[in-house]
Amino acid sequence: MGNYGIIASIIIGAIAGWIASKIMGRDAQMGAVANIIVGVIGGGVGNWLFSTLFNSANPGLVMQIVYAVIGAVILLFAYDKITGAKK
């Protein structure tokens, strides 16, 4: 998730995971720990995706959160498709 420390990555991940769970309509099903995990992993997915597609090597804090939210939404969407989970 960029050049931030572990605590900042967890905070960004928690924010991104919470926003993604709201977007996907899963907020009531997910707890804080799940939001953090999805957000941190989603941050990795989003940053990898955007750095690969758009060569955005050093995005700012706001774009880090945007990338993490998009990555977390992709992660939740894929999870729903793989497990057959429905809203």
C-alpha atoms as a PDB file:
ATOM      1  CA  MET A   1       0.000   0.000   0.000  1.00  0.00           C
ATOM      2  CA  GLY A   2       2.747   2.414  -0.733  1.00  0.00           C
ATOM      3  CA  ASN A   3       5.423   3.890   1.484  1.00  0.00           C
ATOM      4  CA  TYR A   4       3.297   4.046   4.628  1.00  0.00           C
ATOM      5  CA  GLY A   5       4.041   2.225   7.851  1.00  0.00           C
ATOM      6  CA  ILE A   6       2.166  -0.824   9.031  1.00  0.00           C
ATOM      7  CA  ILE A   7      -0.189   1.185  11.271  1.00  0.00           C
ATOM      8  CA  ALA A   8      -1.082   3.574   8.440  1.00  0.00           C
ATOM      9  CA  SER A   9      -1.641   0.608   6.113  1.00  0.00           C
ATOM     10  CA  ILE A  10      -4.024  -0.947   8.634  1.00  0.00           C
ATOM     11  CA  ILE A  11      -5.909   2.336   9.043  1.00  0.00           C
ATOM     12  CA  ILE A  12      -6.152   2.848   5.268  1.00  0.00           C
ATOM     13  CA  GLY A  13      -7.182  -0.806   4.916  1.00  0.00           C
ATOM     14  CA  ALA A  14      -9.892  -0.424   7.547  1.00  0.00           C
ATOM     15  CA  ILE A  15     -11.308   2.638   5.810  1.00  0.00           C
ATOM     16  CA  ALA A  16     -11.137   0.991   2.391  1.00  0.00           C
ATOM     17  CA  GLY A  17     -12.641  -2.270   3.653  1.00  0.00           C
ATOM     18  CA  TRP A  18     -15.497  -0.450   5.354  1.00  0.00           C
ATOM     19  CA  ILE A  19     -16.277   1.617   2.238  1.00  0.00           C
ATOM     20  CA  ALA A  20     -16.091  -1.491   0.028  1.00  0.00           C
ATOM     21  CA  SER A  21     -18.411  -3.419   2.351  1.00  0.00           C
ATOM     22  CA  LYS A  22     -20.903  -0.523   2.160  1.00  0.00           C
ATOM     23  CA  ILE A  23     -20.681  -0.468  -1.645  1.00  0.00           C
ATOM     24  CA  MET A  24     -21.193  -4.239  -1.861  1.00  0.00           C
ATOM     25  CA  GLY A  25     -24.025  -4.213   0.703  1.00  0.00           C
ATOM     26  CA  ARG A  26     -22.139  -6.447   3.143  1.00  0.00           C
ATOM     27  CA  ASP A  27     -21.502  -4.072   6.021  1.00  0.00           C
ATOM     28  CA  ALA A  28     -23.894  -5.863   8.382  1.00  0.00           C
ATOM     29  CA  GLN A  29     -22.197  -9.199   7.621  1.00  0.00           C
ATOM     30  CA  MET A  30     -18.618  -8.037   8.127  1.00  0.00           C
ATOM     31  CA  GLY A  31     -16.906  -7.012  11.333  1.00  0.00           C
ATOM     32  CA  ALA A  32     -14.024  -4.620  11.859  1.00  0.00           C
ATOM     33  CA  VAL A  33     -11.366  -7.329  11.505  1.00  0.00           C
ATOM     34  CA  ALA A  34     -12.838  -8.536   8.203  1.00  0.00           C
ATOM     35  CA  ASN A  35     -12.994  -4.936   6.954  1.00  0.00           C
ATOM     36  CA  ILE A  36      -9.309  -4.450   7.778  1.00  0.00           C
ATOM     37  CA  ILE A  37      -8.265  -7.717   6.128  1.00  0.00           C
ATOM     38  CA  VAL A  38     -10.314  -7.063   2.984  1.00  0.00           C
ATOM     39  CA  GLY A  39      -9.068  -3.473   2.846  1.00  0.00           C
ATOM     40  CA  VAL A  40      -5.382  -4.332   3.251  1.00  0.00           C
ATOM     41  CA  ILE A  41      -5.522  -7.164   0.696  1.00  0.00           C
ATOM     42  CA  GLY A  42      -7.696  -5.000  -1.550  1.00  0.00           C
ATOM     43  CA  GLY A  43      -5.127  -2.236  -1.250  1.00  0.00           C
ATOM     44  CA  GLY A  44      -2.488  -4.582  -2.573  1.00  0.00           C
ATOM     45  CA  VAL A  45      -4.756  -5.705  -5.405  1.00  0.00           C
ATOM     46  CA  GLY A  46      -5.791  -2.152  -6.292  1.00  0.00           C
ATOM     47  CA  ASN A  47      -2.265  -0.762  -6.178  1.00  0.00           C
ATOM     48  CA  TRP A  48      -0.924  -3.629  -8.280  1.00  0.00           C
ATOM     49  CA  LEU A  49      -3.761  -3.233 -10.797  1.00  0.00           C
ATOM     50  CA  PHE A  50      -3.409   0.525 -11.192  1.00  0.00           C
ATOM     51  CA  SER A  51       0.388   0.517 -11.244  1.00  0.00           C
ATOM     52  CA  THR A  52       0.296  -2.173 -13.946  1.00  0.00           C
ATOM     53  CA  LEU A  53      -2.438  -0.616 -16.084  1.00  0.00           C
ATOM     54  CA  PHE A  54      -1.643   3.073 -15.697  1.00  0.00           C
ATOM     55  CA  ASN A  55       1.990   3.124 -14.540  1.00  0.00           C
ATOM     56  CA  SER A  56       1.024   5.129 -11.449  1.00  0.00           C
ATOM     57  CA  ALA A  57       4.056   4.313  -9.342  1.00  0.00           C
ATOM     58  CA  ASN A  58       3.664   6.824  -6.502  1.00  0.00           C
ATOM     59  CA  PRO A  59       0.045   7.842  -5.854  1.00  0.00           C
ATOM     60  CA  GLY A  60      -0.848  10.196  -3.007  1.00  0.00           C
ATOM     61  CA  LEU A  61      -2.821   9.277   0.089  1.00  0.00           C
ATOM     62  CA  VAL A  62      -6.244   9.945  -1.432  1.00  0.00           C
ATOM     63  CA  MET A  63      -5.468   7.825  -4.491  1.00  0.00           C
ATOM     64  CA  GLN A  64      -4.102   5.079  -2.215  1.00  0.00           C
ATOM     65  CA  ILE A  65      -7.503   4.947  -0.510  1.00  0.00           C
ATOM     66  CA  VAL A  66      -9.329   4.999  -3.866  1.00  0.00           C
ATOM     67  CA  TYR A  67      -7.141   2.162  -5.196  1.00  0.00           C
ATOM     68  CA  ALA A  68      -7.660   0.193  -1.983  1.00  0.00           C
ATOM     69  CA  VAL A  69     -11.450   0.623  -2.152  1.00  0.00           C
ATOM     70  CA  ILE A  70     -11.539  -0.495  -5.786  1.00  0.00           C
ATOM     71  CA  GLY A  71      -9.302  -3.463  -4.977  1.00  0.00           C
ATOM     72  CA  ALA A  72     -11.456  -4.402  -1.981  1.00  0.00           C
ATOM     73  CA  VAL A  73     -14.642  -4.212  -4.072  1.00  0.00           C
ATOM     74  CA  ILE A  74     -13.014  -6.479  -6.671  1.00  0.00           C
ATOM     75  CA  LEU A  75     -11.973  -8.853  -3.887  1.00  0.00           C
ATOM     76  CA  LEU A  76     -15.482  -8.976  -2.374  1.00  0.00           C
ATOM     77  CA  PHE A  77     -17.049  -9.429  -5.818  1.00  0.00           C
ATOM     78  CA  ALA A  78     -14.688 -12.323  -6.599  1.00  0.00           C
ATOM     79  CA  TYR A  79     -15.361 -13.883  -3.187  1.00  0.00           C
ATOM     80  CA  ASP A  80     -19.116 -13.696  -3.779  1.00  0.00           C
ATOM     81  CA  LYS A  81     -18.764 -15.305  -7.218  1.00  0.00           C
ATOM     82  CA  ILE A  82     -16.451 -18.084  -6.005  1.00  0.00           C
ATOM     83  CA  THR A  83     -18.483 -18.991  -2.928  1.00  0.00           C
ATOM     84  CA  GLY A  84     -21.888 -18.314  -4.435  1.00  0.00           C
ATOM     85  CA  ALA A  85     -22.663 -15.883  -1.613  1.00  0.00           C
ATOM     86  CA  LYS A  86     -25.585 -13.575  -2.210  1.00  0.00           C
ATOM     87  CA  LYS A  87     -26.449 -10.221  -0.672  1.00  0.00           C
END
